[in-house]
Protein backbone atom coordinates (compact mmCIF):
# COMPACT_ATOMS: atom_id res chain seq x y z
CA GLY A 1 -32.65 23.50 37.87
CA VAL A 2 -31.94 22.26 34.37
CA THR A 3 -30.11 25.46 33.47
CA GLY A 4 -27.81 25.16 36.48
CA PHE A 5 -27.14 21.51 35.66
CA VAL A 6 -26.16 22.32 32.08
CA GLU A 7 -24.01 25.26 33.14
CA THR A 8 -22.12 23.09 35.63
CA ALA A 9 -21.71 20.27 33.12
CA LEU A 10 -20.20 22.68 30.58
CA ARG A 11 -17.93 24.41 33.08
CA LEU A 12 -14.32 23.38 33.54
CA PRO A 13 -13.22 20.92 34.82
CA VAL A 14 -16.55 19.08 34.38
CA ALA A 15 -16.54 19.81 30.64
CA VAL A 16 -13.47 17.58 30.19
CA TYR A 17 -15.43 14.50 31.21
CA SER A 18 -18.73 15.77 29.80
CA VAL A 19 -17.26 15.46 26.31
CA MET A 20 -15.92 11.97 27.09
CA LEU A 21 -19.27 10.94 28.56
CA ALA A 22 -21.06 12.05 25.41
CA VAL A 23 -18.72 9.85 23.37
CA VAL A 24 -19.37 6.91 25.72
CA ILE A 25 -23.14 7.31 25.40
CA ALA A 26 -22.88 7.48 21.61
CA TYR A 27 -20.66 4.39 21.60
CA TRP A 28 -23.13 2.30 23.60
CA LEU A 29 -26.01 3.42 21.40
CA VAL A 30 -24.04 2.13 18.41
CA VAL A 31 -23.33 -1.14 20.28
CA LEU A 32 -27.03 -1.55 21.09
CA ALA A 33 -27.79 -1.01 17.41
CA GLY A 34 -25.48 -3.93 16.61
CA ALA A 35 -22.99 -1.92 14.56
CA LEU A 36 -20.08 -2.52 16.96
CA GLY A 37 -19.06 -5.25 19.38
CA ILE A 38 -18.37 -4.77 23.07
CA ASP A 39 -14.78 -5.90 22.53
CA VAL A 40 -13.97 -3.45 19.74
CA LEU A 41 -11.25 -1.78 21.84
CA ASP A 42 -9.62 -5.00 23.05
CA GLY A 43 -7.42 -5.62 20.03
CA ASP A 44 -4.18 -4.11 21.36
CA ASP A 45 -3.03 -5.84 24.56
CA SER A 46 0.53 -4.48 24.47
CA ASP A 47 1.91 -2.47 27.36
CA LEU A 48 1.20 0.76 25.47
CA GLY A 49 -2.25 -0.29 24.29
CA ALA A 50 -5.46 0.59 26.10
CA ALA A 51 -5.80 -2.92 27.55
CA GLY A 52 -2.19 -2.91 28.74
CA ILE A 53 -2.48 0.48 30.40
CA LEU A 54 -5.72 -0.45 32.17
CA ALA A 55 -4.21 -3.75 33.29
CA SER A 56 -1.28 -1.86 34.83
CA LEU A 57 -3.84 0.11 36.84
CA GLY A 58 -5.45 -3.10 38.10
CA LEU A 59 -8.38 -2.78 35.72
CA GLY A 60 -7.72 -5.78 33.49
CA GLY A 61 -9.96 -8.80 33.00
CA VAL A 62 -12.93 -6.75 31.78
CA PRO A 63 -13.51 -5.43 28.23
CA VAL A 64 -11.76 -2.11 27.69
CA SER A 65 -14.98 -0.42 26.59
CA VAL A 66 -16.72 -1.39 29.85
CA VAL A 67 -13.83 -0.22 32.03
CA LEU A 68 -13.43 3.09 30.20
CA SER A 69 -17.17 3.71 30.34
CA LEU A 70 -17.25 3.15 34.09
CA LEU A 71 -14.12 5.21 34.65
CA ILE A 72 -15.44 8.16 32.63
CA ALA A 73 -18.89 7.99 34.21
CA PHE A 74 -17.52 7.95 37.76
CA ALA A 75 -15.00 10.69 36.96
CA TRP A 76 -17.74 12.84 35.43
CA PHE A 77 -19.90 12.41 38.50
CA GLY A 78 -16.95 13.25 40.76
CA THR A 79 -16.02 16.41 38.88
CA PHE A 80 -19.66 17.47 38.68
CA ALA A 81 -20.22 16.95 42.40
CA GLY A 82 -16.93 18.64 43.26
CA THR A 83 -17.69 21.61 41.07
CA ALA A 84 -21.16 21.96 42.56
CA LEU A 85 -19.87 21.80 46.14
CA ILE A 86 -16.73 23.90 45.76
CA SER A 87 -16.90 27.36 44.29
CA ILE A 88 -14.33 27.71 41.53
CA SER A 89 -15.62 31.03 40.29
CA ALA A 90 -12.83 32.96 42.00
CA PRO A 91 -10.55 34.69 39.52
CA GLY A 92 -6.99 33.84 38.64
CA VAL A 93 -4.82 31.25 40.33
CA VAL A 94 -7.43 30.25 42.92
CA ARG A 95 -9.87 29.08 40.25
CA VAL A 96 -7.19 27.16 38.38
CA LEU A 97 -5.94 25.42 41.51
CA ALA A 98 -9.45 24.55 42.67
CA GLY A 99 -10.41 23.20 39.25
CA THR A 100 -7.22 21.17 39.01
CA ALA A 101 -7.77 19.73 42.50
CA VAL A 102 -11.32 18.68 41.59
CA LEU A 103 -10.20 17.13 38.30
CA VAL A 104 -7.32 15.16 39.82
CA GLY A 105 -9.27 14.10 42.89
CA ALA A 106 -12.26 12.93 40.86
CA THR A 107 -10.02 10.99 38.46
CA VAL A 108 -8.20 9.18 41.27
CA ALA A 109 -11.45 8.41 43.06
CA ALA A 110 -13.02 7.17 39.81
CA ASP A 111 -10.10 4.82 39.25
CA PHE A 112 -10.54 3.33 42.71
CA VAL A 113 -14.32 2.96 42.39
CA THR A 114 -13.97 1.44 38.93
CA TYR A 115 -11.47 -1.06 40.33
CA LEU A 116 -13.97 -2.12 43.01
CA VAL A 117 -16.77 -2.47 40.46
CA ALA A 118 -14.56 -4.35 37.97
CA LEU A 119 -13.63 -7.06 40.50
CA PRO A 120 -17.00 -8.88 40.44
CA LEU A 121 -17.44 -8.12 36.72
CA ARG A 122 -14.38 -10.24 35.87
CA ARG A 123 -16.43 -13.36 36.56
CA LEU A 124 -18.69 -12.42 33.65
CA PHE A 125 -15.74 -12.17 31.24
CA PRO A 126 -13.54 -15.25 31.72
CA GLU A 127 -10.32 -15.18 29.75
CA VAL A 128 -10.38 -17.37 26.67
CA PRO A 129 -6.96 -18.55 25.49
CA ALA A 130 -6.05 -17.10 22.13
CA PRO A 131 -6.18 -19.65 19.32
CA SER A 132 -2.80 -21.14 18.47
CA ARG A 133 -1.54 -23.11 15.51
CA LEU A 134 -0.35 -25.69 18.01
CA ASP A 135 -4.01 -26.48 18.63
CA PHE A 136 -3.98 -28.33 15.29
CA VAL A 137 -1.28 -30.75 16.42
CA GLY A 138 -2.90 -34.13 16.96
CA SER A 139 -5.76 -33.33 14.59
CA ARG A 140 -6.59 -35.05 11.36
CA CYS A 141 -6.59 -33.31 8.01
CA VAL A 142 -7.20 -33.97 4.31
CA VAL A 143 -4.52 -33.33 1.68
CA ARG A 144 -5.63 -30.68 -0.82
CA THR A 145 -2.62 -30.64 -3.21
CA SER A 146 -1.68 -33.24 -5.79
CA LYS A 147 0.89 -34.57 -3.34
CA VAL A 148 2.78 -33.74 -0.16
CA THR A 149 6.56 -33.80 -0.11
CA GLN A 150 9.30 -32.60 2.20
CA ASP A 151 9.13 -29.18 0.53
CA HIS A 152 5.54 -28.66 -0.57
CA GLY A 153 1.97 -29.46 0.34
CA GLN A 154 -1.32 -28.14 1.66
CA ALA A 155 -4.10 -29.75 3.66
CA GLU A 156 -7.49 -28.83 5.05
CA VAL A 157 -8.06 -29.12 8.79
CA THR A 158 -11.25 -28.58 10.76
CA ALA A 159 -11.02 -26.63 14.03
CA THR A 160 -12.97 -27.48 17.17
CA ASP A 161 -15.50 -24.74 16.40
CA GLY A 162 -16.33 -26.37 13.06
CA SER A 163 -14.47 -23.91 10.86
CA SER A 164 -11.93 -25.20 8.36
CA ALA A 165 -8.54 -23.86 7.31
CA ILE A 166 -5.99 -24.59 4.63
CA ILE A 167 -2.55 -25.13 6.15
CA GLN A 168 0.94 -25.69 4.82
CA VAL A 169 2.09 -29.28 5.41
CA ARG A 170 5.17 -31.41 4.88
CA GLN A 171 6.07 -35.07 5.34
CA THR A 172 9.32 -36.59 6.48
CA GLY A 173 9.27 -39.81 4.42
CA GLU A 174 8.10 -41.13 1.09
CA GLU A 175 4.49 -41.86 2.02
CA SER A 176 1.88 -41.60 -0.66
CA LEU A 177 0.02 -38.50 0.42
CA THR A 178 -2.01 -37.34 -2.56
CA GLU A 179 -5.08 -35.15 -2.93
CA GLY A 180 -7.91 -36.43 -0.74
CA SER A 181 -5.64 -38.55 1.45
CA PRO A 182 -6.41 -38.47 5.19
CA ALA A 183 -3.45 -37.53 7.35
CA LEU A 184 -2.50 -36.90 10.95
CA ILE A 185 -0.79 -33.69 12.08
CA PHE A 186 1.94 -34.63 14.55
CA ASP A 187 4.13 -31.53 14.82
CA TYR A 188 4.49 -27.85 13.91
CA ASP A 189 7.59 -26.15 12.56
CA SER A 190 7.51 -22.57 13.85
CA ASP A 191 10.47 -21.49 11.71
CA GLY A 192 8.99 -22.71 8.44
CA GLU A 193 5.39 -22.12 9.59
CA PHE A 194 4.18 -25.52 8.39
CA PHE A 195 2.85 -28.73 9.93
CA TRP A 196 4.40 -32.19 9.75
CA ILE A 197 1.88 -34.86 8.79
CA THR A 198 1.83 -38.59 8.34
CA ALA A 199 -0.60 -40.91 6.61
CA ALA A 200 -3.71 -41.75 8.63
CA GLY A 201 -6.36 -44.39 8.28
CA SER A 202 -9.30 -43.84 5.97
CA GLU A 203 -11.67 -43.37 8.93
CA LEU A 204 -11.16 -39.57 8.96
């Protein structure tokens, strides 16, 4: 009955994942309300970040929130089923060993099942290359400072998505690049973090 279900859900080791599952449910309710994005946990892709750790387990290519939700849900179900099927009410060491076995077994099984589920899901989340400053090379821009020299200058460039950005620019010669002048970005200096530009035709 309902009472037995609640008692099992709140009993160790099920309670470990019951708490996590409650957090997952709350998170998705917030996402559905529009207060958070599905990729809110994807910011850190380092080896020690959540995305890096999941990738090392073969669970990359899918938003971290989706993978963690699946992993926790499957692990909760595994611990719940294991607890219901195996009596862990015996006192002392027997109960601890049985509970530990259920927890570890359910976690390993959940990882494997999540991996199988994540494989087809990767097609729904194709990797999009991170934007790079090198993407601006070859683009046209408009000078936004009084002039551009070998040491100073700014220009406005429009990205492919329609957004604009003010960038640091320099020129190699003595071209007349004044405010409003159209220019062509032909290189990027990673050390100085500025773009090299040259005069372009008026058809910008």
